[in-house]
Amino acid sequence: MPEPQQSVKLAQAGITFRAGDEVVTFVARQLEPYRGYHTFMRALPLLQRLRLQAHVVIVGGNSVAYGAAAPAGQSWRQIFLDEVRERLDLQRVHFVGTLPHAVLTQLLQVSAVHTYLSYPFVLSWSMLEALSIGCLIVGSRTAAVEEVIEDGRNGFLVDFFDANALARRIAEVLDNRHALTHVRHAARQTALEYDLSTRCLPGWVRFVEGA
């Protein structure tokens, strides 16, 4: 659920964010190319130049969940961080690892823009949770993201590999976020269509009974 009075404290960074702050979030089980981590990191130098007050919070583990492993002795997190490190203000980029579900919910409730990228693959549960909270989502124009996000209606879509387009779209949404309440509302309504007890489970029962 949305919570306009929410705040979240990032203990490692010693910083507290509140709803209304310019916070950009990225969430994946593991930080790997399969979920677009490389494109997101490559977008950050331009995003930081466009939005001088924005903070980025990156949630995810340091291993691999779906795609290929990083070269021996390395991690995808470090490889793509090192690629852009010299062009980043690292005081405004926060890697928080994995989070308890309650804290993740608080983080999404204070997020000004939530970024979700994925190869054509099964949709993450975190994406549906972000929708249910009414996040302003910038996603990749890939399946299955396009199954739930319609560009301009309940979120925004960019090419999966276009880091500059991603940065510019995030910056644009940040700049106009106070006028996009209707997009947040549509995102929330989309999530409700996936409700287990009233929509998904009855649909499966009807499917099985009719088979």
N, C-alpha and C. Protein backbone atom coordinates (compact mmCIF):
# COMPACT_ATOMS: atom_id res chain seq x y z
N MET A 1 0.84 -1.20 0.00
CA MET A 1 0.00 0.00 0.00
C MET A 1 0.87 1.25 0.00
N PRO A 2 0.43 2.32 -0.64
CA PRO A 2 1.13 3.58 -0.53
C PRO A 2 1.12 4.09 0.91
N GLU A 3 2.15 4.82 1.30
CA GLU A 3 2.22 5.40 2.64
C GLU A 3 2.94 6.73 2.55
N PRO A 4 2.21 7.83 2.39
CA PRO A 4 2.83 9.14 2.13
C PRO A 4 3.66 9.68 3.29
N GLN A 5 3.54 9.11 4.49
CA GLN A 5 4.32 9.57 5.64
C GLN A 5 5.49 8.64 5.95
N GLN A 6 5.79 7.72 5.05
CA GLN A 6 6.80 6.70 5.32
C GLN A 6 8.21 7.29 5.34
N SER A 7 9.09 6.64 6.11
CA SER A 7 10.52 6.92 6.08
C SER A 7 11.26 5.60 6.22
N VAL A 8 12.52 5.58 5.79
CA VAL A 8 13.33 4.37 5.92
C VAL A 8 14.76 4.79 6.25
N LYS A 9 15.37 4.10 7.19
CA LYS A 9 16.74 4.41 7.60
C LYS A 9 17.68 3.36 7.03
N LEU A 10 18.70 3.80 6.31
CA LEU A 10 19.74 2.92 5.81
C LEU A 10 20.89 2.96 6.80
N ALA A 11 20.96 1.94 7.62
CA ALA A 11 21.91 1.97 8.74
C ALA A 11 23.35 2.09 8.26
N GLN A 12 23.73 1.32 7.22
CA GLN A 12 25.11 1.34 6.76
C GLN A 12 25.53 2.71 6.25
N ALA A 13 24.62 3.38 5.57
CA ALA A 13 24.94 4.69 5.02
C ALA A 13 24.72 5.81 6.04
N GLY A 14 24.02 5.49 7.13
CA GLY A 14 23.73 6.50 8.13
C GLY A 14 22.83 7.61 7.62
N ILE A 15 21.86 7.23 6.79
CA ILE A 15 21.00 8.23 6.17
C ILE A 15 19.55 7.75 6.24
N THR A 16 18.64 8.69 6.39
CA THR A 16 17.21 8.40 6.42
C THR A 16 16.54 9.10 5.24
N PHE A 17 15.73 8.36 4.51
CA PHE A 17 14.96 8.92 3.41
C PHE A 17 13.49 8.96 3.80
N ARG A 18 12.80 9.98 3.31
CA ARG A 18 11.37 10.12 3.56
C ARG A 18 10.62 10.26 2.25
N ALA A 19 9.36 9.89 2.27
CA ALA A 19 8.53 10.07 1.09
C ALA A 19 8.61 11.53 0.65
N GLY A 20 8.86 11.75 -0.61
CA GLY A 20 9.05 13.10 -1.13
C GLY A 20 10.49 13.39 -1.47
N ASP A 21 11.43 12.64 -0.89
CA ASP A 21 12.84 12.79 -1.24
C ASP A 21 13.09 12.25 -2.65
N GLU A 22 14.16 12.72 -3.27
CA GLU A 22 14.47 12.32 -4.64
C GLU A 22 15.27 11.01 -4.59
N VAL A 23 14.56 9.91 -4.42
CA VAL A 23 15.16 8.58 -4.26
C VAL A 23 14.81 7.72 -5.47
N VAL A 24 15.84 7.17 -6.10
CA VAL A 24 15.66 6.24 -7.21
C VAL A 24 16.04 4.86 -6.72
N THR A 25 15.17 3.87 -6.91
CA THR A 25 15.43 2.53 -6.41
C THR A 25 15.60 1.54 -7.56
N PHE A 26 16.42 0.53 -7.28
CA PHE A 26 16.63 -0.60 -8.19
C PHE A 26 16.68 -1.84 -7.32
N VAL A 27 15.86 -2.85 -7.64
CA VAL A 27 15.75 -4.05 -6.81
C VAL A 27 15.88 -5.29 -7.67
N ALA A 28 16.75 -6.19 -7.28
CA ALA A 28 16.87 -7.50 -7.92
C ALA A 28 17.33 -8.51 -6.88
N ARG A 29 16.95 -9.77 -7.09
CA ARG A 29 17.42 -10.79 -6.15
C ARG A 29 18.94 -10.80 -6.09
N GLN A 30 19.57 -10.79 -7.28
CA GLN A 30 21.02 -10.69 -7.40
C GLN A 30 21.33 -9.62 -8.44
N LEU A 31 22.42 -8.92 -8.27
CA LEU A 31 22.80 -7.85 -9.19
C LEU A 31 23.54 -8.47 -10.37
N GLU A 32 22.83 -8.67 -11.46
CA GLU A 32 23.37 -9.41 -12.61
C GLU A 32 22.76 -8.86 -13.90
N PRO A 33 23.40 -9.10 -15.04
CA PRO A 33 22.87 -8.59 -16.31
C PRO A 33 21.46 -9.06 -16.63
N TYR A 34 21.09 -10.27 -16.21
CA TYR A 34 19.76 -10.78 -16.52
C TYR A 34 18.66 -9.82 -16.08
N ARG A 35 18.90 -9.10 -14.99
CA ARG A 35 17.92 -8.13 -14.50
C ARG A 35 18.36 -6.69 -14.80
N GLY A 36 19.24 -6.52 -15.78
CA GLY A 36 19.55 -5.19 -16.27
C GLY A 36 20.44 -4.35 -15.38
N TYR A 37 21.15 -4.99 -14.45
CA TYR A 37 22.02 -4.22 -13.55
C TYR A 37 23.07 -3.45 -14.33
N HIS A 38 23.61 -4.04 -15.39
CA HIS A 38 24.65 -3.37 -16.17
C HIS A 38 24.13 -2.10 -16.82
N THR A 39 22.93 -2.16 -17.40
CA THR A 39 22.34 -0.98 -18.02
C THR A 39 22.05 0.10 -16.99
N PHE A 40 21.54 -0.31 -15.84
CA PHE A 40 21.24 0.65 -14.79
C PHE A 40 22.50 1.38 -14.34
N MET A 41 23.58 0.64 -14.09
CA MET A 41 24.82 1.28 -13.66
C MET A 41 25.35 2.23 -14.73
N ARG A 42 25.25 1.84 -15.98
CA ARG A 42 25.74 2.69 -17.07
C ARG A 42 24.90 3.95 -17.22
N ALA A 43 23.67 3.94 -16.70
CA ALA A 43 22.81 5.12 -16.75
C ALA A 43 23.14 6.13 -15.66
N LEU A 44 23.79 5.70 -14.61
CA LEU A 44 23.94 6.56 -13.43
C LEU A 44 24.79 7.80 -13.64
N PRO A 45 25.91 7.75 -14.37
CA PRO A 45 26.67 9.01 -14.55
C PRO A 45 25.83 10.13 -15.16
N LEU A 46 25.07 9.83 -16.22
CA LEU A 46 24.23 10.85 -16.82
C LEU A 46 23.10 11.24 -15.88
N LEU A 47 22.48 10.28 -15.22
CA LEU A 47 21.39 10.60 -14.29
C LEU A 47 21.88 11.55 -13.21
N GLN A 48 23.07 11.30 -12.67
CA GLN A 48 23.58 12.18 -11.62
C GLN A 48 23.86 13.58 -12.14
N ARG A 49 24.27 13.70 -13.38
CA ARG A 49 24.49 15.04 -13.95
C ARG A 49 23.16 15.77 -14.16
N LEU A 50 22.13 15.01 -14.51
CA LEU A 50 20.82 15.62 -14.75
C LEU A 50 20.09 15.94 -13.45
N ARG A 51 20.30 15.15 -12.41
CA ARG A 51 19.59 15.31 -11.14
C ARG A 51 20.60 15.38 -10.00
N LEU A 52 20.97 16.60 -9.62
CA LEU A 52 22.07 16.81 -8.69
C LEU A 52 21.72 16.43 -7.26
N GLN A 53 20.44 16.27 -6.96
CA GLN A 53 20.02 15.92 -5.60
C GLN A 53 19.59 14.46 -5.45
N ALA A 54 19.55 13.73 -6.55
CA ALA A 54 19.01 12.37 -6.50
C ALA A 54 19.96 11.41 -5.80
N HIS A 55 19.39 10.56 -4.98
CA HIS A 55 20.10 9.44 -4.37
C HIS A 55 19.59 8.15 -5.00
N VAL A 56 20.49 7.20 -5.18
CA VAL A 56 20.15 5.91 -5.78
C VAL A 56 20.37 4.82 -4.74
N VAL A 57 19.36 3.99 -4.53
CA VAL A 57 19.45 2.87 -3.59
C VAL A 57 19.31 1.58 -4.39
N ILE A 58 20.34 0.73 -4.29
CA ILE A 58 20.41 -0.51 -5.07
C ILE A 58 20.30 -1.70 -4.12
N VAL A 59 19.26 -2.50 -4.31
CA VAL A 59 18.99 -3.66 -3.46
C VAL A 59 19.29 -4.93 -4.25
N GLY A 60 20.05 -5.84 -3.66
CA GLY A 60 20.30 -7.11 -4.32
C GLY A 60 21.57 -7.76 -3.83
N GLY A 61 21.64 -9.06 -4.00
CA GLY A 61 22.80 -9.82 -3.56
C GLY A 61 23.96 -9.72 -4.54
N ASN A 62 25.04 -10.34 -4.16
CA ASN A 62 26.30 -10.22 -4.89
C ASN A 62 26.65 -11.51 -5.63
N SER A 63 25.60 -12.29 -5.96
CA SER A 63 25.82 -13.57 -6.61
C SER A 63 25.05 -13.60 -7.92
N VAL A 64 24.61 -14.78 -8.33
CA VAL A 64 23.86 -14.96 -9.58
C VAL A 64 22.63 -15.80 -9.29
N ALA A 65 21.48 -15.37 -9.82
CA ALA A 65 20.25 -16.13 -9.65
C ALA A 65 19.83 -16.82 -10.94
N TYR A 66 20.02 -16.16 -12.08
CA TYR A 66 19.47 -16.68 -13.32
C TYR A 66 20.48 -16.79 -14.45
N GLY A 67 21.31 -15.80 -14.63
CA GLY A 67 22.19 -15.76 -15.79
C GLY A 67 23.53 -16.41 -15.54
N ALA A 68 24.47 -16.11 -16.44
CA ALA A 68 25.82 -16.68 -16.34
C ALA A 68 26.58 -16.03 -15.19
N ALA A 69 27.48 -16.81 -14.62
CA ALA A 69 28.32 -16.29 -13.54
C ALA A 69 29.34 -15.30 -14.09
N ALA A 70 29.78 -14.40 -13.25
CA ALA A 70 30.85 -13.48 -13.61
C ALA A 70 32.16 -14.25 -13.75
N PRO A 71 33.14 -13.66 -14.43
CA PRO A 71 34.45 -14.32 -14.51
C PRO A 71 34.98 -14.69 -13.13
N ALA A 72 35.75 -15.74 -13.06
CA ALA A 72 36.23 -16.28 -11.79
C ALA A 72 36.86 -15.19 -10.92
N GLY A 73 36.46 -15.19 -9.66
CA GLY A 73 37.03 -14.24 -8.71
C GLY A 73 36.42 -12.86 -8.76
N GLN A 74 35.40 -12.66 -9.59
CA GLN A 74 34.77 -11.35 -9.72
C GLN A 74 33.27 -11.47 -9.49
N SER A 75 32.61 -10.34 -9.41
CA SER A 75 31.15 -10.31 -9.32
C SER A 75 30.65 -9.28 -10.32
N TRP A 76 29.42 -9.50 -10.81
CA TRP A 76 28.83 -8.53 -11.73
C TRP A 76 28.67 -7.19 -11.06
N ARG A 77 28.34 -7.19 -9.78
CA ARG A 77 28.21 -5.92 -9.05
C ARG A 77 29.49 -5.11 -9.18
N GLN A 78 30.61 -5.72 -8.91
CA GLN A 78 31.87 -4.99 -8.92
C GLN A 78 32.31 -4.62 -10.33
N ILE A 79 32.11 -5.53 -11.27
CA ILE A 79 32.53 -5.27 -12.65
C ILE A 79 31.88 -4.01 -13.20
N PHE A 80 30.56 -3.89 -13.02
CA PHE A 80 29.86 -2.75 -13.62
C PHE A 80 29.95 -1.50 -12.76
N LEU A 81 30.17 -1.66 -11.47
CA LEU A 81 30.49 -0.49 -10.64
C LEU A 81 31.84 0.09 -11.04
N ASP A 82 32.83 -0.78 -11.20
CA ASP A 82 34.16 -0.30 -11.59
C ASP A 82 34.14 0.39 -12.95
N GLU A 83 33.26 -0.06 -13.84
CA GLU A 83 33.18 0.53 -15.18
C GLU A 83 32.83 2.01 -15.14
N VAL A 84 32.02 2.42 -14.15
CA VAL A 84 31.54 3.81 -14.11
C VAL A 84 32.00 4.56 -12.86
N ARG A 85 32.76 3.91 -12.01
CA ARG A 85 33.11 4.46 -10.70
C ARG A 85 33.66 5.89 -10.80
N GLU A 86 34.57 6.13 -11.73
CA GLU A 86 35.24 7.42 -11.83
C GLU A 86 34.30 8.54 -12.27
N ARG A 87 33.12 8.18 -12.74
CA ARG A 87 32.16 9.20 -13.20
C ARG A 87 30.97 9.33 -12.27
N LEU A 88 31.07 8.73 -11.08
CA LEU A 88 29.95 8.74 -10.13
C LEU A 88 30.30 9.52 -8.87
N ASP A 89 29.28 10.14 -8.30
CA ASP A 89 29.34 10.64 -6.93
C ASP A 89 28.84 9.50 -6.04
N LEU A 90 29.77 8.73 -5.49
CA LEU A 90 29.38 7.54 -4.74
C LEU A 90 28.72 7.86 -3.41
N GLN A 91 28.75 9.12 -3.00
CA GLN A 91 28.02 9.50 -1.78
C GLN A 91 26.51 9.46 -2.02
N ARG A 92 26.12 9.42 -3.29
CA ARG A 92 24.68 9.39 -3.62
C ARG A 92 24.26 8.06 -4.23
N VAL A 93 25.12 7.05 -4.12
CA VAL A 93 24.80 5.69 -4.58
C VAL A 93 24.96 4.74 -3.41
N HIS A 94 23.90 4.04 -3.05
CA HIS A 94 23.88 3.23 -1.84
C HIS A 94 23.56 1.77 -2.19
N PHE A 95 24.54 0.90 -2.01
CA PHE A 95 24.32 -0.54 -2.14
C PHE A 95 23.94 -1.07 -0.76
N VAL A 96 22.76 -1.66 -0.65
CA VAL A 96 22.28 -2.08 0.67
C VAL A 96 22.14 -3.60 0.79
N GLY A 97 22.59 -4.36 -0.22
CA GLY A 97 22.48 -5.81 -0.16
C GLY A 97 21.02 -6.23 -0.21
N THR A 98 20.72 -7.35 0.42
CA THR A 98 19.33 -7.79 0.54
C THR A 98 18.72 -7.20 1.80
N LEU A 99 17.41 -7.00 1.77
CA LEU A 99 16.72 -6.35 2.87
C LEU A 99 15.58 -7.22 3.38
N PRO A 100 15.27 -7.15 4.68
CA PRO A 100 14.03 -7.78 5.16
C PRO A 100 12.84 -7.20 4.42
N HIS A 101 11.82 -8.02 4.25
CA HIS A 101 10.68 -7.60 3.44
C HIS A 101 10.05 -6.31 3.95
N ALA A 102 9.95 -6.16 5.26
CA ALA A 102 9.33 -4.95 5.82
C ALA A 102 10.12 -3.70 5.45
N VAL A 103 11.45 -3.82 5.48
CA VAL A 103 12.29 -2.67 5.15
C VAL A 103 12.23 -2.37 3.65
N LEU A 104 12.19 -3.44 2.84
CA LEU A 104 12.05 -3.24 1.40
C LEU A 104 10.75 -2.51 1.08
N THR A 105 9.68 -2.87 1.76
CA THR A 105 8.40 -2.19 1.56
C THR A 105 8.52 -0.72 1.91
N GLN A 106 9.16 -0.40 3.01
CA GLN A 106 9.36 0.99 3.40
C GLN A 106 10.16 1.74 2.34
N LEU A 107 11.19 1.09 1.82
CA LEU A 107 12.02 1.72 0.80
C LEU A 107 11.20 2.03 -0.45
N LEU A 108 10.39 1.08 -0.90
CA LEU A 108 9.56 1.31 -2.07
C LEU A 108 8.52 2.41 -1.81
N GLN A 109 8.08 2.53 -0.57
CA GLN A 109 7.11 3.57 -0.24
C GLN A 109 7.71 4.97 -0.25
N VAL A 110 9.02 5.09 -0.10
CA VAL A 110 9.64 6.41 -0.19
C VAL A 110 10.25 6.65 -1.57
N SER A 111 10.28 5.62 -2.42
CA SER A 111 10.91 5.75 -3.74
C SER A 111 10.17 6.77 -4.60
N ALA A 112 10.95 7.68 -5.20
CA ALA A 112 10.36 8.64 -6.14
C ALA A 112 10.22 8.03 -7.52
N VAL A 113 11.21 7.22 -7.92
CA VAL A 113 11.16 6.46 -9.17
C VAL A 113 11.76 5.09 -8.92
N HIS A 114 11.04 4.05 -9.31
CA HIS A 114 11.55 2.69 -9.18
C HIS A 114 11.89 2.17 -10.57
N THR A 115 13.09 1.61 -10.72
CA THR A 115 13.56 1.10 -12.01
C THR A 115 13.50 -0.41 -12.01
N TYR A 116 12.90 -0.98 -13.06
CA TYR A 116 12.85 -2.43 -13.18
C TYR A 116 13.20 -2.84 -14.60
N LEU A 117 14.30 -3.55 -14.74
CA LEU A 117 14.79 -4.02 -16.04
C LEU A 117 14.91 -5.54 -16.01
N SER A 118 14.67 -6.16 -17.14
CA SER A 118 14.80 -7.62 -17.18
C SER A 118 14.94 -8.11 -18.62
N TYR A 119 15.77 -9.14 -18.81
CA TYR A 119 15.70 -9.90 -20.05
C TYR A 119 14.29 -10.46 -20.18
N PRO A 120 13.86 -10.89 -21.37
CA PRO A 120 12.56 -11.57 -21.49
C PRO A 120 12.55 -12.83 -20.61
N PHE A 121 11.84 -12.76 -19.51
CA PHE A 121 11.89 -13.80 -18.49
C PHE A 121 10.70 -13.59 -17.57
N VAL A 122 10.55 -14.48 -16.60
CA VAL A 122 9.46 -14.36 -15.64
C VAL A 122 9.58 -13.05 -14.86
N LEU A 123 8.45 -12.42 -14.58
CA LEU A 123 8.42 -11.15 -13.88
C LEU A 123 8.75 -11.35 -12.40
N SER A 124 9.50 -10.43 -11.82
CA SER A 124 9.86 -10.51 -10.41
C SER A 124 8.67 -10.13 -9.52
N TRP A 125 8.59 -10.76 -8.35
CA TRP A 125 7.54 -10.38 -7.41
C TRP A 125 7.74 -8.95 -6.94
N SER A 126 8.99 -8.48 -6.90
CA SER A 126 9.25 -7.11 -6.46
C SER A 126 8.61 -6.09 -7.39
N MET A 127 8.49 -6.45 -8.65
CA MET A 127 7.84 -5.56 -9.61
C MET A 127 6.36 -5.38 -9.26
N LEU A 128 5.69 -6.49 -8.96
CA LEU A 128 4.28 -6.41 -8.59
C LEU A 128 4.10 -5.67 -7.27
N GLU A 129 5.03 -5.85 -6.34
CA GLU A 129 4.95 -5.12 -5.08
C GLU A 129 5.12 -3.62 -5.30
N ALA A 130 6.06 -3.26 -6.18
CA ALA A 130 6.24 -1.84 -6.50
C ALA A 130 4.96 -1.25 -7.11
N LEU A 131 4.32 -2.01 -7.99
CA LEU A 131 3.04 -1.58 -8.55
C LEU A 131 2.00 -1.39 -7.45
N SER A 132 1.93 -2.35 -6.53
CA SER A 132 0.90 -2.29 -5.49
C SER A 132 1.10 -1.09 -4.57
N ILE A 133 2.34 -0.64 -4.43
CA ILE A 133 2.63 0.52 -3.60
C ILE A 133 2.34 1.81 -4.36
N GLY A 134 2.18 1.70 -5.66
CA GLY A 134 1.93 2.88 -6.47
C GLY A 134 3.20 3.61 -6.85
N CYS A 135 4.29 2.87 -7.01
CA CYS A 135 5.54 3.49 -7.42
C CYS A 135 5.43 4.02 -8.85
N LEU A 136 6.19 5.07 -9.12
CA LEU A 136 6.41 5.50 -10.49
C LEU A 136 7.51 4.62 -11.05
N ILE A 137 7.18 3.77 -12.00
CA ILE A 137 8.10 2.74 -12.48
C ILE A 137 8.61 3.09 -13.87
N VAL A 138 9.93 3.02 -14.03
CA VAL A 138 10.55 3.07 -15.35
C VAL A 138 11.09 1.68 -15.61
N GLY A 139 10.54 1.00 -16.61
CA GLY A 139 10.90 -0.39 -16.89
C GLY A 139 11.45 -0.56 -18.28
N SER A 140 11.89 -1.77 -18.55
CA SER A 140 12.43 -2.09 -19.88
C SER A 140 11.31 -2.56 -20.80
N ARG A 141 11.46 -2.21 -22.07
CA ARG A 141 10.47 -2.60 -23.07
C ARG A 141 10.76 -4.04 -23.50
N THR A 142 10.52 -4.98 -22.57
CA THR A 142 10.76 -6.40 -22.79
C THR A 142 9.61 -7.20 -22.19
N ALA A 143 9.44 -8.42 -22.67
CA ALA A 143 8.52 -9.35 -22.00
C ALA A 143 9.22 -9.81 -20.72
N ALA A 144 8.55 -9.97 -19.62
CA ALA A 144 7.13 -9.83 -19.42
C ALA A 144 6.77 -8.47 -18.82
N VAL A 145 7.72 -7.52 -18.83
CA VAL A 145 7.43 -6.20 -18.29
C VAL A 145 6.28 -5.55 -19.04
N GLU A 146 6.27 -5.73 -20.36
CA GLU A 146 5.22 -5.13 -21.19
C GLU A 146 3.85 -5.74 -20.93
N GLU A 147 3.81 -6.90 -20.26
CA GLU A 147 2.51 -7.49 -19.93
C GLU A 147 1.78 -6.67 -18.87
N VAL A 148 2.55 -5.93 -18.05
CA VAL A 148 1.92 -5.19 -16.95
C VAL A 148 2.10 -3.68 -17.05
N ILE A 149 3.14 -3.21 -17.74
CA ILE A 149 3.38 -1.78 -17.85
C ILE A 149 3.02 -1.30 -19.25
N GLU A 150 2.13 -0.34 -19.31
CA GLU A 150 1.78 0.33 -20.55
C GLU A 150 2.37 1.74 -20.49
N ASP A 151 3.27 2.03 -21.42
CA ASP A 151 4.03 3.27 -21.37
C ASP A 151 3.12 4.49 -21.30
N GLY A 152 3.32 5.28 -20.24
CA GLY A 152 2.55 6.50 -20.06
C GLY A 152 1.26 6.35 -19.31
N ARG A 153 0.80 5.11 -19.12
CA ARG A 153 -0.47 4.89 -18.39
C ARG A 153 -0.21 4.50 -16.94
N ASN A 154 0.50 3.39 -16.71
CA ASN A 154 0.77 2.95 -15.34
C ASN A 154 2.27 2.83 -15.07
N GLY A 155 3.07 3.40 -15.95
CA GLY A 155 4.52 3.38 -15.82
C GLY A 155 5.14 3.88 -17.11
N PHE A 156 6.43 3.66 -17.24
CA PHE A 156 7.16 4.15 -18.41
C PHE A 156 8.15 3.09 -18.87
N LEU A 157 8.37 3.01 -20.20
CA LEU A 157 9.22 1.97 -20.76
C LEU A 157 10.33 2.57 -21.61
N VAL A 158 11.50 1.93 -21.55
CA VAL A 158 12.64 2.32 -22.38
C VAL A 158 13.29 1.05 -22.92
N ASP A 159 14.13 1.23 -23.94
CA ASP A 159 14.88 0.10 -24.48
C ASP A 159 15.81 -0.47 -23.41
N PHE A 160 15.87 -1.79 -23.31
CA PHE A 160 16.64 -2.47 -22.27
C PHE A 160 18.11 -2.07 -22.28
N PHE A 161 18.70 -1.87 -23.45
CA PHE A 161 20.14 -1.63 -23.55
C PHE A 161 20.51 -0.14 -23.64
N ASP A 162 19.53 0.75 -23.69
CA ASP A 162 19.81 2.17 -23.90
C ASP A 162 19.96 2.89 -22.57
N ALA A 163 21.18 2.93 -22.06
CA ALA A 163 21.44 3.52 -20.75
C ALA A 163 21.14 5.02 -20.73
N ASN A 164 21.47 5.72 -21.80
CA ASN A 164 21.20 7.16 -21.83
C ASN A 164 19.71 7.45 -21.83
N ALA A 165 18.95 6.66 -22.59
CA ALA A 165 17.49 6.84 -22.59
C ALA A 165 16.92 6.55 -21.21
N LEU A 166 17.46 5.55 -20.54
CA LEU A 166 17.00 5.22 -19.19
C LEU A 166 17.26 6.39 -18.25
N ALA A 167 18.47 6.94 -18.30
CA ALA A 167 18.80 8.07 -17.42
C ALA A 167 17.89 9.26 -17.69
N ARG A 168 17.67 9.55 -18.95
CA ARG A 168 16.85 10.71 -19.29
C ARG A 168 15.39 10.50 -18.89
N ARG A 169 14.89 9.28 -19.05
CA ARG A 169 13.50 9.03 -18.66
C ARG A 169 13.34 9.10 -17.15
N ILE A 170 14.28 8.55 -16.39
CA ILE A 170 14.20 8.65 -14.93
C ILE A 170 14.22 10.11 -14.51
N ALA A 171 15.13 10.90 -15.10
CA ALA A 171 15.24 12.32 -14.76
C ALA A 171 13.94 13.06 -15.11
N GLU A 172 13.35 12.72 -16.25
CA GLU A 172 12.10 13.35 -16.67
C GLU A 172 10.97 13.03 -15.69
N VAL A 173 10.89 11.77 -15.28
CA VAL A 173 9.84 11.38 -14.33
C VAL A 173 10.07 12.06 -12.98
N LEU A 174 11.32 12.12 -12.54
CA LEU A 174 11.61 12.83 -11.28
C LEU A 174 11.16 14.28 -11.37
N ASP A 175 11.44 14.91 -12.48
CA ASP A 175 11.12 16.32 -12.64
C ASP A 175 9.62 16.57 -12.64
N ASN A 176 8.84 15.58 -13.09
CA ASN A 176 7.39 15.74 -13.22
C ASN A 176 6.61 14.90 -12.24
N ARG A 177 7.29 14.34 -11.24
CA ARG A 177 6.64 13.32 -10.40
C ARG A 177 5.40 13.82 -9.67
N HIS A 178 5.34 15.09 -9.33
CA HIS A 178 4.19 15.60 -8.59
C HIS A 178 2.95 15.72 -9.47
N ALA A 179 3.15 15.66 -10.78
CA ALA A 179 2.01 15.72 -11.70
C ALA A 179 1.60 14.35 -12.21
N LEU A 180 2.20 13.30 -11.66
CA LEU A 180 1.96 11.95 -12.19
C LEU A 180 1.19 11.07 -11.21
N THR A 181 0.36 11.69 -10.39
CA THR A 181 -0.46 10.91 -9.44
C THR A 181 -1.34 9.90 -10.17
N HIS A 182 -1.83 10.27 -11.35
CA HIS A 182 -2.69 9.35 -12.10
C HIS A 182 -1.94 8.10 -12.53
N VAL A 183 -0.63 8.21 -12.79
CA VAL A 183 0.16 7.04 -13.15
C VAL A 183 0.35 6.14 -11.93
N ARG A 184 0.60 6.74 -10.79
CA ARG A 184 0.70 5.96 -9.55
C ARG A 184 -0.59 5.20 -9.27
N HIS A 185 -1.71 5.88 -9.44
CA HIS A 185 -3.01 5.24 -9.19
C HIS A 185 -3.23 4.08 -10.15
N ALA A 186 -2.88 4.28 -11.42
CA ALA A 186 -3.05 3.20 -12.40
C ALA A 186 -2.13 2.02 -12.09
N ALA A 187 -0.93 2.30 -11.57
CA ALA A 187 -0.03 1.22 -11.18
C ALA A 187 -0.64 0.39 -10.07
N ARG A 188 -1.19 1.06 -9.08
CA ARG A 188 -1.84 0.37 -7.97
C ARG A 188 -3.02 -0.48 -8.46
N GLN A 189 -3.82 0.06 -9.34
CA GLN A 189 -4.96 -0.68 -9.87
C GLN A 189 -4.51 -1.90 -10.67
N THR A 190 -3.40 -1.79 -11.38
CA THR A 190 -2.86 -2.93 -12.12
C THR A 190 -2.49 -4.05 -11.17
N ALA A 191 -1.85 -3.71 -10.06
CA ALA A 191 -1.46 -4.74 -9.08
C ALA A 191 -2.66 -5.46 -8.52
N LEU A 192 -3.75 -4.75 -8.31
CA LEU A 192 -4.94 -5.37 -7.74
C LEU A 192 -5.51 -6.44 -8.66
N GLU A 193 -5.21 -6.35 -9.96
CA GLU A 193 -5.69 -7.37 -10.89
C GLU A 193 -5.00 -8.71 -10.66
N TYR A 194 -3.90 -8.71 -9.90
CA TYR A 194 -3.17 -9.94 -9.61
C TYR A 194 -3.48 -10.47 -8.21
N ASP A 195 -4.51 -9.93 -7.56
CA ASP A 195 -4.86 -10.37 -6.21
C ASP A 195 -5.16 -11.87 -6.20
N LEU A 196 -4.52 -12.59 -5.28
CA LEU A 196 -4.63 -14.05 -5.26
C LEU A 196 -6.04 -14.52 -4.96
N SER A 197 -6.64 -13.99 -3.90
CA SER A 197 -7.90 -14.53 -3.43
C SER A 197 -9.08 -14.17 -4.33
N THR A 198 -9.05 -12.99 -4.95
CA THR A 198 -10.22 -12.56 -5.72
C THR A 198 -10.04 -12.71 -7.22
N ARG A 199 -8.79 -12.82 -7.72
CA ARG A 199 -8.58 -12.87 -9.16
C ARG A 199 -7.80 -14.11 -9.60
N CYS A 200 -6.58 -14.26 -9.13
CA CYS A 200 -5.70 -15.31 -9.67
C CYS A 200 -6.18 -16.72 -9.33
N LEU A 201 -6.43 -16.97 -8.03
CA LEU A 201 -6.85 -18.32 -7.63
C LEU A 201 -8.19 -18.72 -8.25
N PRO A 202 -9.21 -17.87 -8.21
CA PRO A 202 -10.46 -18.25 -8.89
C PRO A 202 -10.25 -18.51 -10.38
N GLY A 203 -9.36 -17.74 -11.01
CA GLY A 203 -9.09 -17.96 -12.42
C GLY A 203 -8.47 -19.31 -12.68
N TRP A 204 -7.51 -19.71 -11.82
CA TRP A 204 -6.90 -21.03 -11.96
C TRP A 204 -7.92 -22.15 -11.72
N VAL A 205 -8.78 -21.96 -10.74
CA VAL A 205 -9.81 -22.98 -10.47
C VAL A 205 -10.71 -23.14 -11.69
N ARG A 206 -11.13 -22.03 -12.28
CA ARG A 206 -11.98 -22.11 -13.47
C ARG A 206 -11.25 -22.82 -14.61
N PHE A 207 -9.96 -22.53 -14.76
CA PHE A 207 -9.16 -23.16 -15.82
C PHE A 207 -9.07 -24.66 -15.62
N VAL A 208 -8.78 -25.08 -14.38
CA VAL A 208 -8.63 -26.52 -14.09
C VAL A 208 -9.97 -27.24 -14.26
N GLU A 209 -11.01 -26.64 -13.75
CA GLU A 209 -12.33 -27.27 -13.84
C GLU A 209 -12.80 -27.39 -15.30
N GLY A 210 -12.35 -26.47 -16.13
CA GLY A 210 -12.77 -26.50 -17.52
C GLY A 210 -11.88 -27.35 -18.41
N ALA A 211 -10.76 -27.85 -17.84
CA ALA A 211 -9.81 -28.64 -18.65
C ALA A 211 -10.33 -30.05 -18.87
